[in-house]
N, C-alpha and C. Protein backbone atom coordinates (compact mmCIF):
# COMPACT_ATOMS: atom_id res chain seq x y z
N MET A 1 -53.25 -55.00 -147.34
CA MET A 1 -51.84 -53.88 -147.46
C MET A 1 -50.99 -54.48 -148.75
N LYS A 2 -50.82 -53.54 -149.60
CA LYS A 2 -49.73 -53.65 -150.57
C LYS A 2 -48.47 -54.32 -150.10
N THR A 3 -48.11 -55.82 -150.91
CA THR A 3 -47.05 -56.10 -150.43
C THR A 3 -45.75 -55.76 -151.61
N HIS A 4 -44.74 -55.71 -150.74
CA HIS A 4 -43.46 -55.24 -151.81
C HIS A 4 -42.41 -56.30 -151.96
N SER A 5 -42.20 -56.23 -153.31
CA SER A 5 -41.32 -57.62 -153.80
C SER A 5 -39.94 -57.95 -153.09
N THR A 6 -39.32 -56.64 -152.89
CA THR A 6 -37.75 -56.69 -151.98
C THR A 6 -38.05 -55.62 -150.55
N PHE A 7 -37.35 -55.96 -149.98
CA PHE A 7 -36.97 -54.77 -148.78
C PHE A 7 -36.37 -53.71 -149.42
N SER A 8 -35.78 -53.48 -150.04
CA SER A 8 -35.45 -52.06 -151.13
C SER A 8 -36.38 -51.79 -151.62
N ASP A 9 -37.48 -52.07 -151.93
CA ASP A 9 -38.59 -51.59 -152.46
C ASP A 9 -39.66 -50.67 -151.51
N TRP A 10 -39.68 -51.01 -150.49
CA TRP A 10 -40.47 -50.59 -148.93
C TRP A 10 -39.47 -49.60 -148.73
N VAL A 11 -38.32 -49.74 -148.54
CA VAL A 11 -37.13 -48.87 -147.70
C VAL A 11 -37.05 -47.86 -148.78
N GLN A 12 -37.26 -47.58 -149.57
CA GLN A 12 -36.96 -46.55 -150.83
C GLN A 12 -38.34 -45.41 -150.26
N GLU A 13 -39.49 -46.08 -150.17
CA GLU A 13 -40.60 -45.27 -149.83
C GLU A 13 -40.72 -44.40 -148.32
N LEU A 14 -39.98 -44.89 -147.55
CA LEU A 14 -39.23 -44.14 -146.03
C LEU A 14 -39.24 -42.50 -146.85
N ASP A 15 -39.57 -41.73 -145.97
CA ASP A 15 -39.45 -40.33 -145.76
C ASP A 15 -38.23 -39.77 -145.08
N ILE A 16 -37.10 -40.42 -144.97
CA ILE A 16 -35.96 -40.57 -144.23
C ILE A 16 -34.88 -40.14 -145.12
N ALA A 17 -33.44 -39.62 -144.63
CA ALA A 17 -32.28 -39.75 -145.42
C ALA A 17 -31.49 -40.57 -146.01
N ASP A 18 -31.12 -40.89 -147.46
CA ASP A 18 -30.79 -41.95 -147.93
C ASP A 18 -29.44 -42.73 -147.20
N GLY A 19 -29.10 -41.77 -145.91
CA GLY A 19 -28.21 -42.78 -144.88
C GLY A 19 -28.61 -43.55 -144.33
N LEU A 20 -29.80 -43.21 -143.63
CA LEU A 20 -30.54 -44.05 -143.06
C LEU A 20 -31.24 -45.36 -143.59
N LYS A 21 -31.16 -44.81 -144.87
CA LYS A 21 -32.07 -45.49 -145.41
C LYS A 21 -30.91 -47.13 -145.51
N GLN A 22 -30.03 -46.66 -146.09
CA GLN A 22 -28.44 -47.82 -146.44
C GLN A 22 -28.31 -48.41 -144.94
N LEU A 23 -28.17 -47.73 -143.90
CA LEU A 23 -28.15 -48.38 -142.77
C LEU A 23 -29.53 -49.22 -142.40
N LEU A 24 -30.64 -49.23 -142.40
CA LEU A 24 -31.92 -50.14 -142.12
C LEU A 24 -31.34 -51.00 -143.27
N THR A 25 -31.09 -51.09 -144.66
CA THR A 25 -30.92 -52.10 -145.77
C THR A 25 -29.65 -52.64 -144.73
N ASP A 26 -28.43 -52.28 -144.81
CA ASP A 26 -27.38 -53.34 -144.25
C ASP A 26 -27.82 -53.96 -142.88
N ALA A 27 -28.88 -53.62 -142.01
CA ALA A 27 -29.06 -53.83 -141.02
C ALA A 27 -30.23 -55.36 -140.67
N GLY A 28 -30.88 -54.88 -142.28
CA GLY A 28 -31.87 -55.76 -142.53
C GLY A 28 -33.16 -56.16 -141.90
N PHE A 29 -33.64 -54.97 -141.48
CA PHE A 29 -34.59 -54.64 -140.79
C PHE A 29 -35.90 -54.79 -142.02
N THR A 30 -37.42 -55.12 -141.61
CA THR A 30 -38.37 -55.51 -142.33
C THR A 30 -39.47 -54.25 -141.65
N ILE A 31 -40.27 -53.58 -142.33
CA ILE A 31 -41.25 -52.62 -141.92
C ILE A 31 -41.67 -53.26 -140.79
N GLU A 32 -42.24 -54.58 -140.72
CA GLU A 32 -42.55 -54.71 -139.72
C GLU A 32 -42.31 -54.54 -138.42
N SER A 33 -40.90 -55.24 -138.79
CA SER A 33 -39.73 -55.30 -137.43
C SER A 33 -39.47 -53.87 -136.45
N LEU A 34 -39.59 -52.81 -137.79
CA LEU A 34 -39.22 -51.40 -137.18
C LEU A 34 -40.25 -50.99 -136.15
N ILE A 35 -41.70 -51.24 -136.57
CA ILE A 35 -42.89 -51.02 -135.83
C ILE A 35 -42.48 -51.90 -134.65
N ARG A 36 -42.67 -52.97 -134.80
CA ARG A 36 -42.67 -53.72 -133.34
C ARG A 36 -41.90 -53.21 -132.73
N LEU A 37 -40.48 -53.12 -132.74
CA LEU A 37 -39.17 -52.50 -131.97
C LEU A 37 -39.56 -51.44 -131.08
N GLY A 38 -40.20 -50.30 -132.27
CA GLY A 38 -40.43 -49.08 -131.61
C GLY A 38 -38.98 -48.35 -131.49
N TYR A 39 -39.27 -47.41 -131.04
CA TYR A 39 -37.79 -46.17 -131.40
C TYR A 39 -36.74 -46.08 -130.51
N GLN A 40 -37.24 -46.61 -129.14
CA GLN A 40 -36.22 -46.84 -128.31
C GLN A 40 -35.25 -47.70 -128.36
N GLU A 41 -35.79 -48.72 -128.45
CA GLU A 41 -35.15 -50.44 -129.05
C GLU A 41 -34.29 -49.98 -130.17
N LEU A 42 -34.92 -49.53 -131.61
CA LEU A 42 -34.39 -49.37 -132.83
C LEU A 42 -33.00 -48.64 -132.71
N SER A 43 -33.16 -47.43 -131.39
CA SER A 43 -32.05 -46.24 -131.62
C SER A 43 -30.90 -47.10 -130.71
N GLU A 44 -31.16 -47.93 -130.10
CA GLU A 44 -30.12 -48.57 -129.13
C GLU A 44 -29.25 -49.37 -130.04
N MET A 45 -30.41 -50.65 -131.06
CA MET A 45 -29.65 -51.27 -131.64
C MET A 45 -28.96 -50.53 -132.89
N LEU A 46 -29.20 -49.62 -133.28
CA LEU A 46 -28.50 -48.90 -134.51
C LEU A 46 -27.39 -47.87 -134.13
N ASN A 47 -27.53 -47.63 -132.40
CA ASN A 47 -26.73 -46.76 -131.72
C ASN A 47 -26.93 -45.20 -132.72
N ILE A 48 -28.36 -45.05 -132.54
CA ILE A 48 -28.52 -43.72 -132.86
C ILE A 48 -29.06 -42.94 -132.06
N ASP A 49 -29.63 -41.70 -132.28
CA ASP A 49 -30.12 -40.84 -131.61
C ASP A 49 -31.74 -41.04 -131.56
N PRO A 50 -32.32 -41.02 -130.27
CA PRO A 50 -33.55 -41.84 -130.00
C PRO A 50 -35.10 -40.79 -130.86
N TYR A 51 -34.56 -40.06 -131.24
CA TYR A 51 -35.28 -38.62 -132.01
C TYR A 51 -35.23 -39.20 -133.52
N VAL A 52 -33.93 -39.76 -133.64
CA VAL A 52 -33.60 -39.94 -135.44
C VAL A 52 -34.57 -41.63 -135.50
N GLY A 53 -34.41 -42.55 -134.26
CA GLY A 53 -34.94 -43.78 -133.85
C GLY A 53 -36.66 -43.31 -134.58
N LYS A 54 -37.13 -42.45 -133.43
CA LYS A 54 -38.74 -41.99 -133.60
C LYS A 54 -39.17 -41.61 -135.11
N LEU A 55 -38.50 -40.92 -135.95
CA LEU A 55 -38.55 -40.42 -137.52
C LEU A 55 -38.33 -41.90 -138.03
N ILE A 56 -37.33 -42.76 -138.24
CA ILE A 56 -37.56 -43.77 -138.73
C ILE A 56 -39.34 -44.52 -138.66
N VAL A 57 -39.59 -44.57 -137.14
CA VAL A 57 -40.41 -45.42 -137.12
C VAL A 57 -41.77 -44.99 -137.50
N GLU A 58 -41.61 -43.70 -137.40
CA GLU A 58 -43.10 -42.73 -137.91
C GLU A 58 -43.03 -42.89 -139.28
N ALA A 59 -41.90 -42.68 -140.23
CA ALA A 59 -41.66 -43.06 -141.80
C ALA A 59 -42.61 -44.77 -142.15
N ALA A 60 -41.92 -45.30 -141.05
CA ALA A 60 -42.41 -46.64 -141.37
C ALA A 60 -43.97 -46.73 -141.57
N GLN A 61 -44.37 -45.95 -140.39
CA GLN A 61 -45.68 -46.59 -140.10
C GLN A 61 -46.80 -45.66 -141.35
N ASN A 62 -45.80 -44.68 -141.84
CA ASN A 62 -46.81 -43.69 -143.01
C ASN A 62 -46.91 -44.23 -144.30
N VAL A 63 -45.92 -45.30 -144.21
CA VAL A 63 -45.93 -46.01 -145.71
C VAL A 63 -46.67 -47.20 -145.57
N ILE A 64 -46.97 -47.84 -144.11
CA ILE A 64 -47.96 -48.59 -143.80
C ILE A 64 -49.59 -48.09 -144.50
N GLN A 65 -49.65 -46.76 -143.85
CA GLN A 65 -50.96 -46.33 -143.65
C GLN A 65 -51.06 -46.12 -145.03
N LYS A 66 -50.08 -45.45 -145.85
CA LYS A 66 -50.32 -44.98 -147.50
C LYS A 66 -50.46 -46.28 -148.30
N SER A 67 -49.96 -47.57 -147.75
CA SER A 67 -50.50 -49.01 -148.66
C SER A 67 -52.03 -49.19 -148.34
N ASN A 68 -52.38 -48.97 -147.24
CA ASN A 68 -53.88 -49.67 -146.82
C ASN A 68 -54.74 -49.20 -147.67
């Protein structure tokens, strides 16, 4: 898997809205922690709609697949 030098390197690769990218950056999530948590727990932690949480987790999974 391709490694990223900083958190913001991989978060910018996510295919999600810039506001969500900022939310993830502010919360300090890693790509691995997003996938490990799953969308339900992520949604609860960030106080966002579960559908949006699912989109974030799927975007993170896509970044990992592209880097392999």
